[in-house]
Amino acid sequence: MRDLLMFIWQLPQNLLGLLLVFIYRPETQYYRNGMSVYVSSRMSGGISLGRYIILRRDTPVNVAHEFGHCKQSQMLGWLYLPTVGLASGLRAWLNLYKDGHYYDSWPENWADRLGGVSR
């Protein structure tokens, strides 16, 4: 019952995550801490949506960081996409990670703390 309630609590990002799994057609799937992790050569980096994490195989993206985003989603529910999702996606789209300070600001530093990442 708890899994069903959490799925509904995170419904928008879970549905978007499922859609991206079909779009990126991952080559590998495994489970970590209750999350489905997919590895796809079509992905350019990493994304976390609800209980779904999609990564590129050779990316430097840390799975623990993405797991931190999953925890944010669990905490915020339907508010995750308009807050964390929008801020994180916009920062990635603007290539802010290239300046070396991508993980220093919110929401990335929060995801690192939740995922147990030390930089």
PDB file of N, CA and C in Angstrom:
ATOM      1  N   MET A   1       0.824  -1.201   0.000  1.00  0.00           N
ATOM      2  CA  MET A   1       0.000   0.000   0.000  1.00  0.00           C
ATOM      3  C   MET A   1       0.868   1.267   0.000  1.00  0.00           C
ATOM      4  N   ARG A   2       1.975   1.224   0.783  1.00  0.00           N
ATOM      5  CA  ARG A   2       2.864   2.386   0.852  1.00  0.00           C
ATOM      6  C   ARG A   2       3.438   2.721  -0.529  1.00  0.00           C
ATOM      7  N   ASP A   3       3.834   1.691  -1.282  1.00  0.00           N
ATOM      8  CA  ASP A   3       4.396   1.918  -2.621  1.00  0.00           C
ATOM      9  C   ASP A   3       3.383   2.597  -3.537  1.00  0.00           C
ATOM     10  N   LEU A   4       2.127   2.168  -3.456  1.00  0.00           N
ATOM     11  CA  LEU A   4       1.078   2.775  -4.278  1.00  0.00           C
ATOM     12  C   LEU A   4       0.873   4.237  -3.894  1.00  0.00           C
ATOM     13  N   LEU A   5       0.826   4.512  -2.606  1.00  0.00           N
ATOM     14  CA  LEU A   5       0.644   5.896  -2.148  1.00  0.00           C
ATOM     15  C   LEU A   5       1.830   6.777  -2.568  1.00  0.00           C
ATOM     16  N   MET A   6       3.049   6.243  -2.477  1.00  0.00           N
ATOM     17  CA  MET A   6       4.227   7.017  -2.906  1.00  0.00           C
ATOM     18  C   MET A   6       4.203   7.250  -4.420  1.00  0.00           C
ATOM     19  N   PHE A   7       3.730   6.255  -5.171  1.00  0.00           N
ATOM     20  CA  PHE A   7       3.642   6.429  -6.624  1.00  0.00           C
ATOM     21  C   PHE A   7       2.675   7.561  -6.957  1.00  0.00           C
ATOM     22  N   ILE A   8       1.539   7.592  -6.284  1.00  0.00           N
ATOM     23  CA  ILE A   8       0.545   8.652  -6.513  1.00  0.00           C
ATOM     24  C   ILE A   8       1.070  10.003  -6.022  1.00  0.00           C
ATOM     25  N   TRP A   9       1.748  10.024  -4.874  1.00  0.00           N
ATOM     26  CA  TRP A   9       2.321  11.255  -4.318  1.00  0.00           C
ATOM     27  C   TRP A   9       3.297  11.881  -5.310  1.00  0.00           C
ATOM     28  N   GLN A  10       3.984  11.039  -6.092  1.00  0.00           N
ATOM     29  CA  GLN A  10       4.966  11.502  -7.070  1.00  0.00           C
ATOM     30  C   GLN A  10       4.479  11.294  -8.511  1.00  0.00           C
ATOM     31  N   LEU A  11       3.185  11.238  -8.696  1.00  0.00           N
ATOM     32  CA  LEU A  11       2.610  10.849  -9.981  1.00  0.00           C
ATOM     33  C   LEU A  11       3.145  11.619 -11.190  1.00  0.00           C
ATOM     34  N   PRO A  12       3.192  12.953 -11.181  1.00  0.00           N
ATOM     35  CA  PRO A  12       3.657  13.639 -12.395  1.00  0.00           C
ATOM     36  C   PRO A  12       5.066  13.225 -12.814  1.00  0.00           C
ATOM     37  N   GLN A  13       5.996  13.182 -11.855  1.00  0.00           N
ATOM     38  CA  GLN A  13       7.360  12.808 -12.219  1.00  0.00           C
ATOM     39  C   GLN A  13       7.488  11.322 -12.522  1.00  0.00           C
ATOM     40  N   ASN A  14       6.684  10.470 -11.887  1.00  0.00           N
ATOM     41  CA  ASN A  14       6.709   9.052 -12.232  1.00  0.00           C
ATOM     42  C   ASN A  14       6.241   8.822 -13.662  1.00  0.00           C
ATOM     43  N   LEU A  15       5.180   9.496 -14.065  1.00  0.00           N
ATOM     44  CA  LEU A  15       4.689   9.353 -15.443  1.00  0.00           C
ATOM     45  C   LEU A  15       5.709   9.876 -16.450  1.00  0.00           C
ATOM     46  N   LEU A  16       6.320  11.014 -16.151  1.00  0.00           N
ATOM     47  CA  LEU A  16       7.351  11.562 -17.039  1.00  0.00           C
ATOM     48  C   LEU A  16       8.561  10.633 -17.081  1.00  0.00           C
ATOM     49  N   GLY A  17       8.927  10.074 -15.944  1.00  0.00           N
ATOM     50  CA  GLY A  17      10.036   9.117 -15.903  1.00  0.00           C
ATOM     51  C   GLY A  17       9.766   7.896 -16.760  1.00  0.00           C
ATOM     52  N   LEU A  18       8.555   7.348 -16.661  1.00  0.00           N
ATOM     53  CA  LEU A  18       8.182   6.200 -17.503  1.00  0.00           C
ATOM     54  C   LEU A  18       8.239   6.551 -18.984  1.00  0.00           C
ATOM     55  N   LEU A  19       7.758   7.744 -19.326  1.00  0.00           N
ATOM     56  CA  LEU A  19       7.810   8.190 -20.725  1.00  0.00           C
ATOM     57  C   LEU A  19       9.260   8.266 -21.217  1.00  0.00           C
ATOM     58  N   LEU A  20      10.141   8.821 -20.397  1.00  0.00           N
ATOM     59  CA  LEU A  20      11.547   8.937 -20.807  1.00  0.00           C
ATOM     60  C   LEU A  20      12.237   7.584 -20.918  1.00  0.00           C
ATOM     61  N   VAL A  21      11.817   6.610 -20.109  1.00  0.00           N
ATOM     62  CA  VAL A  21      12.362   5.258 -20.240  1.00  0.00           C
ATOM     63  C   VAL A  21      12.042   4.717 -21.628  1.00  0.00           C
ATOM     64  N   PHE A  22      10.829   4.953 -22.109  1.00  0.00           N
ATOM     65  CA  PHE A  22      10.456   4.489 -23.457  1.00  0.00           C
ATOM     66  C   PHE A  22      11.193   5.279 -24.540  1.00  0.00           C
ATOM     67  N   ILE A  23      11.404   6.556 -24.329  1.00  0.00           N
ATOM     68  CA  ILE A  23      12.098   7.383 -25.322  1.00  0.00           C
ATOM     69  C   ILE A  23      13.582   7.027 -25.410  1.00  0.00           C
ATOM     70  N   TYR A  24      14.235   6.877 -24.257  1.00  0.00           N
ATOM     71  CA  TYR A  24      15.680   6.632 -24.247  1.00  0.00           C
ATOM     72  C   TYR A  24      16.058   5.175 -24.432  1.00  0.00           C
ATOM     73  N   ARG A  25      15.108   4.275 -24.381  1.00  0.00           N
ATOM     74  CA  ARG A  25      15.332   2.842 -24.607  1.00  0.00           C
ATOM     75  C   ARG A  25      16.631   2.346 -23.969  1.00  0.00           C
ATOM     76  N   PRO A  26      16.660   2.240 -22.661  1.00  0.00           N
ATOM     77  CA  PRO A  26      17.895   1.857 -21.964  1.00  0.00           C
ATOM     78  C   PRO A  26      18.373   0.455 -22.308  1.00  0.00           C
ATOM     79  N   GLU A  27      19.692   0.285 -22.267  1.00  0.00           N
ATOM     80  CA  GLU A  27      20.306  -1.010 -22.535  1.00  0.00           C
ATOM     81  C   GLU A  27      20.393  -1.846 -21.261  1.00  0.00           C
ATOM     82  N   THR A  28      20.425  -1.180 -20.103  1.00  0.00           N
ATOM     83  CA  THR A  28      20.603  -1.863 -18.823  1.00  0.00           C
ATOM     84  C   THR A  28      19.634  -1.294 -17.798  1.00  0.00           C
ATOM     85  N   GLN A  29      19.173  -2.155 -16.911  1.00  0.00           N
ATOM     86  CA  GLN A  29      18.329  -1.706 -15.808  1.00  0.00           C
ATOM     87  C   GLN A  29      18.756  -2.456 -14.553  1.00  0.00           C
ATOM     88  N   TYR A  30      18.799  -1.737 -13.442  1.00  0.00           N
ATOM     89  CA  TYR A  30      19.030  -2.373 -12.157  1.00  0.00           C
ATOM     90  C   TYR A  30      18.290  -1.581 -11.089  1.00  0.00           C
ATOM     91  N   TYR A  31      18.219  -2.127  -9.891  1.00  0.00           N
ATOM     92  CA  TYR A  31      17.495  -1.478  -8.806  1.00  0.00           C
ATOM     93  C   TYR A  31      18.482  -1.104  -7.711  1.00  0.00           C
ATOM     94  N   ARG A  32      18.274   0.078  -7.150  1.00  0.00           N
ATOM     95  CA  ARG A  32      19.107   0.544  -6.040  1.00  0.00           C
ATOM     96  C   ARG A  32      18.221   1.298  -5.058  1.00  0.00           C
ATOM     97  N   ASN A  33      18.173   0.837  -3.842  1.00  0.00           N
ATOM     98  CA  ASN A  33      17.385   1.487  -2.786  1.00  0.00           C
ATOM     99  C   ASN A  33      15.939   1.739  -3.202  1.00  0.00           C
ATOM    100  N   GLY A  34      15.339   0.781  -3.882  1.00  0.00           N
ATOM    101  CA  GLY A  34      13.947   0.898  -4.282  1.00  0.00           C
ATOM    102  C   GLY A  34      13.711   1.722  -5.539  1.00  0.00           C
ATOM    103  N   MET A  35      14.776   2.203  -6.154  1.00  0.00           N
ATOM    104  CA  MET A  35      14.651   3.010  -7.376  1.00  0.00           C
ATOM    105  C   MET A  35      15.059   2.172  -8.585  1.00  0.00           C
ATOM    106  N   SER A  36      14.418   2.423  -9.702  1.00  0.00           N
ATOM    107  CA  SER A  36      14.791   1.777 -10.957  1.00  0.00           C
ATOM    108  C   SER A  36      15.822   2.651 -11.648  1.00  0.00           C
ATOM    109  N   VAL A  37      17.004   2.100 -11.885  1.00  0.00           N
ATOM    110  CA  VAL A  37      18.081   2.837 -12.539  1.00  0.00           C
ATOM    111  C   VAL A  37      18.252   2.264 -13.942  1.00  0.00           C
ATOM    112  N   TYR A  38      18.173   3.137 -14.932  1.00  0.00           N
ATOM    113  CA  TYR A  38      18.297   2.742 -16.331  1.00  0.00           C
ATOM    114  C   TYR A  38      19.541   3.394 -16.912  1.00  0.00           C
ATOM    115  N   VAL A  39      20.258   2.641 -17.733  1.00  0.00           N
ATOM    116  CA  VAL A  39      21.448   3.152 -18.389  1.00  0.00           C
ATOM    117  C   VAL A  39      21.187   3.142 -19.890  1.00  0.00           C
ATOM    118  N   SER A  40      21.356   4.320 -20.514  1.00  0.00           N
ATOM    119  CA  SER A  40      21.061   4.463 -21.934  1.00  0.00           C
ATOM    120  C   SER A  40      22.157   5.260 -22.622  1.00  0.00           C
ATOM    121  N   SER A  41      22.618   4.757 -23.747  1.00  0.00           N
ATOM    122  CA  SER A  41      23.625   5.488 -24.527  1.00  0.00           C
ATOM    123  C   SER A  41      23.010   6.712 -25.205  1.00  0.00           C
ATOM    124  N   ARG A  42      21.681   6.800 -25.239  1.00  0.00           N
ATOM    125  CA  ARG A  42      20.997   7.954 -25.844  1.00  0.00           C
ATOM    126  C   ARG A  42      20.920   9.150 -24.887  1.00  0.00           C
ATOM    127  N   MET A  43      21.126   8.900 -23.604  1.00  0.00           N
ATOM    128  CA  MET A  43      21.033   9.943 -22.588  1.00  0.00           C
ATOM    129  C   MET A  43      22.315  10.761 -22.584  1.00  0.00           C
ATOM    130  N   SER A  44      22.194  12.065 -22.365  1.00  0.00           N
ATOM    131  CA  SER A  44      23.387  12.908 -22.375  1.00  0.00           C
ATOM    132  C   SER A  44      24.010  13.067 -20.995  1.00  0.00           C
ATOM    133  N   GLY A  45      23.279  12.792 -19.937  1.00  0.00           N
ATOM    134  CA  GLY A  45      23.790  12.955 -18.582  1.00  0.00           C
ATOM    135  C   GLY A  45      23.006  12.071 -17.647  1.00  0.00           C
ATOM    136  N   GLY A  46      22.249  12.692 -16.755  1.00  0.00           N
ATOM    137  CA  GLY A  46      21.430  11.940 -15.832  1.00  0.00           C
ATOM    138  C   GLY A  46      20.185  12.716 -15.466  1.00  0.00           C
ATOM    139  N   ILE A  47      19.120  11.993 -15.144  1.00  0.00           N
ATOM    140  CA  ILE A  47      17.870  12.624 -14.729  1.00  0.00           C
ATOM    141  C   ILE A  47      17.177  11.702 -13.729  1.00  0.00           C
ATOM    142  N   SER A  48      16.534  12.302 -12.749  1.00  0.00           N
ATOM    143  CA  SER A  48      15.772  11.565 -11.752  1.00  0.00           C
ATOM    144  C   SER A  48      14.346  12.070 -11.768  1.00  0.00           C
ATOM    145  N   LEU A  49      13.427  11.165 -11.950  1.00  0.00           N
ATOM    146  CA  LEU A  49      12.007  11.516 -11.968  1.00  0.00           C
ATOM    147  C   LEU A  49      11.244  10.473 -11.171  1.00  0.00           C
ATOM    148  N   GLY A  50      10.827  10.851  -9.969  1.00  0.00           N
ATOM    149  CA  GLY A  50      10.114   9.919  -9.106  1.00  0.00           C
ATOM    150  C   GLY A  50      11.004   8.762  -8.721  1.00  0.00           C
ATOM    151  N   ARG A  51      10.574   7.572  -9.049  1.00  0.00           N
ATOM    152  CA  ARG A  51      11.362   6.385  -8.725  1.00  0.00           C
ATOM    153  C   ARG A  51      12.221   5.906  -9.875  1.00  0.00           C
ATOM    154  N   TYR A  52      12.416   6.766 -10.879  1.00  0.00           N
ATOM    155  CA  TYR A  52      13.185   6.402 -12.069  1.00  0.00           C
ATOM    156  C   TYR A  52      14.419   7.284 -12.215  1.00  0.00           C
ATOM    157  N   ILE A  53      15.555   6.653 -12.424  1.00  0.00           N
ATOM    158  CA  ILE A  53      16.815   7.344 -12.688  1.00  0.00           C
ATOM    159  C   ILE A  53      17.298   6.859 -14.040  1.00  0.00           C
ATOM    160  N   ILE A  54      17.622   7.790 -14.932  1.00  0.00           N
ATOM    161  CA  ILE A  54      18.141   7.435 -16.256  1.00  0.00           C
ATOM    162  C   ILE A  54      19.501   8.096 -16.407  1.00  0.00           C
ATOM    163  N   LEU A  55      20.513   7.292 -16.737  1.00  0.00           N
ATOM    164  CA  LEU A  55      21.890   7.764 -16.845  1.00  0.00           C
ATOM    165  C   LEU A  55      22.518   7.312 -18.143  1.00  0.00           C
ATOM    166  N   ARG A  56      23.508   8.047 -18.571  1.00  0.00           N
ATOM    167  CA  ARG A  56      24.362   7.601 -19.666  1.00  0.00           C
ATOM    168  C   ARG A  56      25.460   6.741 -19.053  1.00  0.00           C
ATOM    169  N   ARG A  57      25.845   5.680 -19.733  1.00  0.00           N
ATOM    170  CA  ARG A  57      26.821   4.729 -19.202  1.00  0.00           C
ATOM    171  C   ARG A  57      28.138   5.391 -18.840  1.00  0.00           C
ATOM    172  N   ASP A  58      28.652   6.239 -19.689  1.00  0.00           N
ATOM    173  CA  ASP A  58      29.985   6.813 -19.486  1.00  0.00           C
ATOM    174  C   ASP A  58      29.939   8.227 -18.915  1.00  0.00           C
ATOM    175  N   THR A  59      28.849   8.575 -18.260  1.00  0.00           N
ATOM    176  CA  THR A  59      28.716   9.920 -17.717  1.00  0.00           C
ATOM    177  C   THR A  59      29.366  10.016 -16.340  1.00  0.00           C
ATOM    178  N   PRO A  60      29.876  11.183 -16.005  1.00  0.00           N
ATOM    179  CA  PRO A  60      30.421  11.355 -14.667  1.00  0.00           C
ATOM    180  C   PRO A  60      29.334  11.595 -13.609  1.00  0.00           C
ATOM    181  N   VAL A  61      28.072  11.589 -14.031  1.00  0.00           N
ATOM    182  CA  VAL A  61      26.974  11.827 -13.095  1.00  0.00           C
ATOM    183  C   VAL A  61      26.995  10.745 -12.022  1.00  0.00           C
ATOM    184  N   ASN A  62      26.901  11.160 -10.799  1.00  0.00           N
ATOM    185  CA  ASN A  62      26.956  10.272  -9.658  1.00  0.00           C
ATOM    186  C   ASN A  62      25.556   9.712  -9.381  1.00  0.00           C
ATOM    187  N   VAL A  63      25.435   8.387  -9.316  1.00  0.00           N
ATOM    188  CA  VAL A  63      24.142   7.763  -9.038  1.00  0.00           C
ATOM    189  C   VAL A  63      23.620   8.217  -7.675  1.00  0.00           C
ATOM    190  N   ALA A  64      24.518   8.409  -6.712  1.00  0.00           N
ATOM    191  CA  ALA A  64      24.091   8.858  -5.384  1.00  0.00           C
ATOM    192  C   ALA A  64      23.470  10.252  -5.458  1.00  0.00           C
ATOM    193  N   HIS A  65      23.998  11.127  -6.314  1.00  0.00           N
ATOM    194  CA  HIS A  65      23.416  12.461  -6.503  1.00  0.00           C
ATOM    195  C   HIS A  65      21.990  12.334  -7.047  1.00  0.00           C
ATOM    196  N   GLU A  66      21.821  11.495  -8.048  1.00  0.00           N
ATOM    197  CA  GLU A  66      20.492  11.293  -8.627  1.00  0.00           C
ATOM    198  C   GLU A  66      19.551  10.663  -7.599  1.00  0.00           C
ATOM    199  N   PHE A  67      20.071   9.779  -6.757  1.00  0.00           N
ATOM    200  CA  PHE A  67      19.259   9.208  -5.693  1.00  0.00           C
ATOM    201  C   PHE A  67      18.800  10.315  -4.739  1.00  0.00           C
ATOM    202  N   GLY A  68      19.655  11.314  -4.521  1.00  0.00           N
ATOM    203  CA  GLY A  68      19.268  12.465  -3.702  1.00  0.00           C
ATOM    204  C   GLY A  68      18.081  13.202  -4.302  1.00  0.00           C
ATOM    205  N   HIS A  69      18.074  13.324  -5.633  1.00  0.00           N
ATOM    206  CA  HIS A  69      16.915  13.937  -6.292  1.00  0.00           C
ATOM    207  C   HIS A  69      15.660  13.088  -6.076  1.00  0.00           C
ATOM    208  N   CYS A  70      15.807  11.769  -6.073  1.00  0.00           N
ATOM    209  CA  CYS A  70      14.655  10.890  -5.802  1.00  0.00           C
ATOM    210  C   CYS A  70      14.102  11.159  -4.405  1.00  0.00           C
ATOM    211  N   LYS A  71      14.984  11.376  -3.450  1.00  0.00           N
ATOM    212  CA  LYS A  71      14.533  11.690  -2.089  1.00  0.00           C
ATOM    213  C   LYS A  71      13.816  13.035  -2.060  1.00  0.00           C
ATOM    214  N   GLN A  72      14.309  14.001  -2.838  1.00  0.00           N
ATOM    215  CA  GLN A  72      13.617  15.291  -2.927  1.00  0.00           C
ATOM    216  C   GLN A  72      12.201  15.075  -3.450  1.00  0.00           C
ATOM    217  N   SER A  73      12.074  14.229  -4.457  1.00  0.00           N
ATOM    218  CA  SER A  73      10.769  13.935  -5.033  1.00  0.00           C
ATOM    219  C   SER A  73       9.838  13.305  -4.000  1.00  0.00           C
ATOM    220  N   GLN A  74      10.380  12.410  -3.185  1.00  0.00           N
ATOM    221  CA  GLN A  74       9.575  11.780  -2.142  1.00  0.00           C
ATOM    222  C   GLN A  74       9.095  12.807  -1.125  1.00  0.00           C
ATOM    223  N   MET A  75       9.924  13.780  -0.826  1.00  0.00           N
ATOM    224  CA  MET A  75       9.552  14.804   0.158  1.00  0.00           C
ATOM    225  C   MET A  75       8.540  15.798  -0.398  1.00  0.00           C
ATOM    226  N   LEU A  76       8.736  16.208  -1.650  1.00  0.00           N
ATOM    227  CA  LEU A  76       7.942  17.300  -2.214  1.00  0.00           C
ATOM    228  C   LEU A  76       6.703  16.857  -2.979  1.00  0.00           C
ATOM    229  N   GLY A  77       6.660  15.598  -3.383  1.00  0.00           N
ATOM    230  CA  GLY A  77       5.499  15.116  -4.134  1.00  0.00           C
ATOM    231  C   GLY A  77       5.269  15.916  -5.409  1.00  0.00           C
ATOM    232  N   TRP A  78       4.051  16.359  -5.599  1.00  0.00           N
ATOM    233  CA  TRP A  78       3.677  17.070  -6.827  1.00  0.00           C
ATOM    234  C   TRP A  78       4.411  18.401  -6.984  1.00  0.00           C
ATOM    235  N   LEU A  79       4.994  18.910  -5.923  1.00  0.00           N
ATOM    236  CA  LEU A  79       5.746  20.181  -6.008  1.00  0.00           C
ATOM    237  C   LEU A  79       7.161  19.995  -6.547  1.00  0.00           C
ATOM    238  N   TYR A  80       7.610  18.754  -6.697  1.00  0.00           N
ATOM    239  CA  TYR A  80       8.977  18.492  -7.145  1.00  0.00           C
ATOM    240  C   TYR A  80       9.264  19.072  -8.533  1.00  0.00           C
ATOM    241  N   LEU A  81       8.413  18.791  -9.490  1.00  0.00           N
ATOM    242  CA  LEU A  81       8.679  19.262 -10.861  1.00  0.00           C
ATOM    243  C   LEU A  81       8.722  20.786 -10.975  1.00  0.00           C
ATOM    244  N   PRO A  82       7.744  21.524 -10.427  1.00  0.00           N
ATOM    245  CA  PRO A  82       7.812  22.983 -10.579  1.00  0.00           C
ATOM    246  C   PRO A  82       8.902  23.646  -9.733  1.00  0.00           C
ATOM    247  N   THR A  83       9.460  22.938  -8.780  1.00  0.00           N
ATOM    248  CA  THR A  83      10.525  23.540  -7.965  1.00  0.00           C
ATOM    249  C   THR A  83      11.879  22.951  -8.352  1.00  0.00           C
ATOM    250  N   VAL A  84      12.194  21.790  -7.835  1.00  0.00           N
ATOM    251  CA  VAL A  84      13.493  21.156  -8.070  1.00  0.00           C
ATOM    252  C   VAL A  84      13.677  20.789  -9.540  1.00  0.00           C
ATOM    253  N   GLY A  85      12.674  20.157 -10.134  1.00  0.00           N
ATOM    254  CA  GLY A  85      12.797  19.734 -11.534  1.00  0.00           C
ATOM    255  C   GLY A  85      13.064  20.887 -12.474  1.00  0.00           C
ATOM    256  N   LEU A  86      12.326  21.958 -12.314  1.00  0.00           N
ATOM    257  CA  LEU A  86      12.501  23.127 -13.171  1.00  0.00           C
ATOM    258  C   LEU A  86      13.869  23.771 -12.948  1.00  0.00           C
ATOM    259  N   ALA A  87      14.245  23.986 -11.700  1.00  0.00           N
ATOM    260  CA  ALA A  87      15.531  24.625 -11.397  1.00  0.00           C
ATOM    261  C   ALA A  87      16.697  23.769 -11.869  1.00  0.00           C
ATOM    262  N   SER A  88      16.674  22.495 -11.580  1.00  0.00           N
ATOM    263  CA  SER A  88      17.763  21.607 -11.964  1.00  0.00           C
ATOM    264  C   SER A  88      17.839  21.442 -13.482  1.00  0.00           C
ATOM    265  N   GLY A  89      16.695  21.244 -14.107  1.00  0.00           N
ATOM    266  CA  GLY A  89      16.667  21.094 -15.564  1.00  0.00           C
ATOM    267  C   GLY A  89      17.147  22.334 -16.285  1.00  0.00           C
ATOM    268  N   LEU A  90      16.743  23.489 -15.814  1.00  0.00           N
ATOM    269  CA  LEU A  90      17.179  24.748 -16.423  1.00  0.00           C
ATOM    270  C   LEU A  90      18.683  24.935 -16.263  1.00  0.00           C
ATOM    271  N   ARG A  91      19.198  24.637 -15.088  1.00  0.00           N
ATOM    272  CA  ARG A  91      20.639  24.762 -14.853  1.00  0.00           C
ATOM    273  C   ARG A  91      21.417  23.821 -15.776  1.00  0.00           C
ATOM    274  N   ALA A  92      20.948  22.596 -15.943  1.00  0.00           N
ATOM    275  CA  ALA A  92      21.621  21.640 -16.829  1.00  0.00           C
ATOM    276  C   ALA A  92      21.524  22.099 -18.286  1.00  0.00           C
ATOM    277  N   TRP A  93      20.356  22.573 -18.683  1.00  0.00           N
ATOM    278  CA  TRP A  93      20.146  23.023 -20.060  1.00  0.00           C
ATOM    279  C   TRP A  93      21.056  24.201 -20.395  1.00  0.00           C
ATOM    280  N   LEU A  94      21.285  25.069 -19.426  1.00  0.00           N
ATOM    281  CA  LEU A  94      22.161  26.227 -19.629  1.00  0.00           C
ATOM    282  C   LEU A  94      23.638  25.868 -19.483  1.00  0.00           C
ATOM    283  N   ASN A  95      23.919  24.584 -19.295  1.00  0.00           N
ATOM    284  CA  ASN A  95      25.294  24.092 -19.171  1.00  0.00           C
ATOM    285  C   ASN A  95      26.052  24.722 -18.013  1.00  0.00           C
ATOM    286  N   LEU A  96      25.370  25.018 -16.938  1.00  0.00           N
ATOM    287  CA  LEU A  96      26.020  25.636 -15.791  1.00  0.00           C
ATOM    288  C   LEU A  96      27.016  24.699 -15.108  1.00  0.00           C
ATOM    289  N   TYR A  97      26.931  23.395 -15.396  1.00  0.00           N
ATOM    290  CA  TYR A  97      27.872  22.457 -14.799  1.00  0.00           C
ATOM    291  C   TYR A  97      29.283  22.642 -15.353  1.00  0.00           C
ATOM    292  N   LYS A  98      29.411  23.287 -16.500  1.00  0.00           N
ATOM    293  CA  LYS A  98      30.728  23.489 -17.111  1.00  0.00           C
ATOM    294  C   LYS A  98      31.589  24.480 -16.346  1.00  0.00           C
ATOM    295  N   ASP A  99      30.972  25.352 -15.540  1.00  0.00           N
ATOM    296  CA  ASP A  99      31.767  26.333 -14.787  1.00  0.00           C
ATOM    297  C   ASP A  99      32.332  25.756 -13.495  1.00  0.00           C
ATOM    298  N   GLY A 100      32.029  24.494 -13.207  1.00  0.00           N
ATOM    299  CA  GLY A 100      32.565  23.846 -12.029  1.00  0.00           C
ATOM    300  C   GLY A 100      31.800  24.120 -10.753  1.00  0.00           C
ATOM    301  N   HIS A 101      30.740  24.921 -10.818  1.00  0.00           N
ATOM    302  CA  HIS A 101      29.991  25.274  -9.618  1.00  0.00           C
ATOM    303  C   HIS A 101      28.551  24.766  -9.654  1.00  0.00           C
ATOM    304  N   TYR A 102      28.259  23.877 -10.575  1.00  0.00           N
ATOM    305  CA  TYR A 102      26.893  23.377 -10.742  1.00  0.00           C
ATOM    306  C   TYR A 102      26.341  22.788  -9.450  1.00  0.00           C
ATOM    307  N   TYR A 103      27.160  22.047  -8.732  1.00  0.00           N
ATOM    308  CA  TYR A 103      26.698  21.349  -7.534  1.00  0.00           C
ATOM    309  C   TYR A 103      26.785  22.204  -6.272  1.00  0.00           C
ATOM    310  N   ASP A 104      27.246  23.442  -6.390  1.00  0.00           N
ATOM    311  CA  ASP A 104      27.387  24.320  -5.227  1.00  0.00           C
ATOM    312  C   ASP A 104      26.070  24.977  -4.823  1.00  0.00           C
ATOM    313  N   SER A 105      25.123  25.061  -5.724  1.00  0.00           N
ATOM    314  CA  SER A 105      23.886  25.803  -5.483  1.00  0.00           C
ATOM    315  C   SER A 105      22.690  24.866  -5.363  1.00  0.00           C
ATOM    316  N   TRP A 106      21.605  25.446  -4.833  1.00  0.00           N
ATOM    317  CA  TRP A 106      20.347  24.724  -4.702  1.00  0.00           C
ATOM    318  C   TRP A 106      19.767  24.473  -6.089  1.00  0.00           C
ATOM    319  N   PRO A 107      19.195  23.350  -6.387  1.00  0.00           N
ATOM    320  CA  PRO A 107      18.873  22.195  -5.548  1.00  0.00           C
ATOM    321  C   PRO A 107      19.924  21.089  -5.589  1.00  0.00           C
ATOM    322  N   GLU A 108      21.008  21.335  -6.333  1.00  0.00           N
ATOM    323  CA  GLU A 108      22.026  20.285  -6.505  1.00  0.00           C
ATOM    324  C   GLU A 108      22.760  19.975  -5.206  1.00  0.00           C
ATOM    325  N   ASN A 109      23.090  21.001  -4.427  1.00  0.00           N
ATOM    326  CA  ASN A 109      23.797  20.737  -3.171  1.00  0.00           C
ATOM    327  C   ASN A 109      22.899  19.981  -2.190  1.00  0.00           C
ATOM    328  N   TRP A 110      21.616  20.237  -2.227  1.00  0.00           N
ATOM    329  CA  TRP A 110      20.661  19.516  -1.389  1.00  0.00           C
ATOM    330  C   TRP A 110      20.595  18.045  -1.828  1.00  0.00           C
ATOM    331  N   ALA A 111      20.547  17.797  -3.152  1.00  0.00           N
ATOM    332  CA  ALA A 111      20.518  16.420  -3.665  1.00  0.00           C
ATOM    333  C   ALA A 111      21.784  15.679  -3.248  1.00  0.00           C
ATOM    334  N   ASP A 112      22.929  16.354  -3.304  1.00  0.00           N
ATOM    335  CA  ASP A 112      24.180  15.729  -2.857  1.00  0.00           C
ATOM    336  C   ASP A 112      24.093  15.314  -1.389  1.00  0.00           C
ATOM    337  N   ARG A 113      23.610  16.212  -0.554  1.00  0.00           N
ATOM    338  CA  ARG A 113      23.503  15.891   0.887  1.00  0.00           C
ATOM    339  C   ARG A 113      22.560  14.709   1.111  1.00  0.00           C
ATOM    340  N   LEU A 114      21.415  14.726   0.457  1.00  0.00           N
ATOM    341  CA  LEU A 114      20.448  13.633   0.629  1.00  0.00           C
ATOM    342  C   LEU A 114      20.983  12.310   0.100  1.00  0.00           C
ATOM    343  N   GLY A 115      21.793  12.371  -0.958  1.00  0.00           N
ATOM    344  CA  GLY A 115      22.342  11.155  -1.541  1.00  0.00           C
ATOM    345  C   GLY A 115      23.638  10.698  -0.905  1.00  0.00           C
ATOM    346  N   GLY A 116      24.168  11.497   0.019  1.00  0.00           N
ATOM    347  CA  GLY A 116      25.407  11.128   0.684  1.00  0.00           C
ATOM    348  C   GLY A 116      26.654  11.377  -0.143  1.00  0.00           C
ATOM    349  N   VAL A 117      26.589  12.364  -1.038  1.00  0.00           N
ATOM    350  CA  VAL A 117      27.737  12.681  -1.894  1.00  0.00           C
ATOM    351  C   VAL A 117      28.591  13.733  -1.207  1.00  0.00           C
ATOM    352  N   SER A 118      29.882  13.508  -1.204  1.00  0.00           N
ATOM    353  CA  SER A 118      30.799  14.535  -0.713  1.00  0.00           C
ATOM    354  C   SER A 118      31.686  14.963  -1.878  1.00  0.00           C
ATOM    355  N   ARG A 119      31.723  16.250  -2.103  1.00  0.00           N
ATOM    356  CA  ARG A 119      32.522  16.767  -3.225  1.00  0.00           C
ATOM    357  C   ARG A 119      33.689  17.550  -2.710  1.00  0.00           C
TER     358      ARG A 119
END
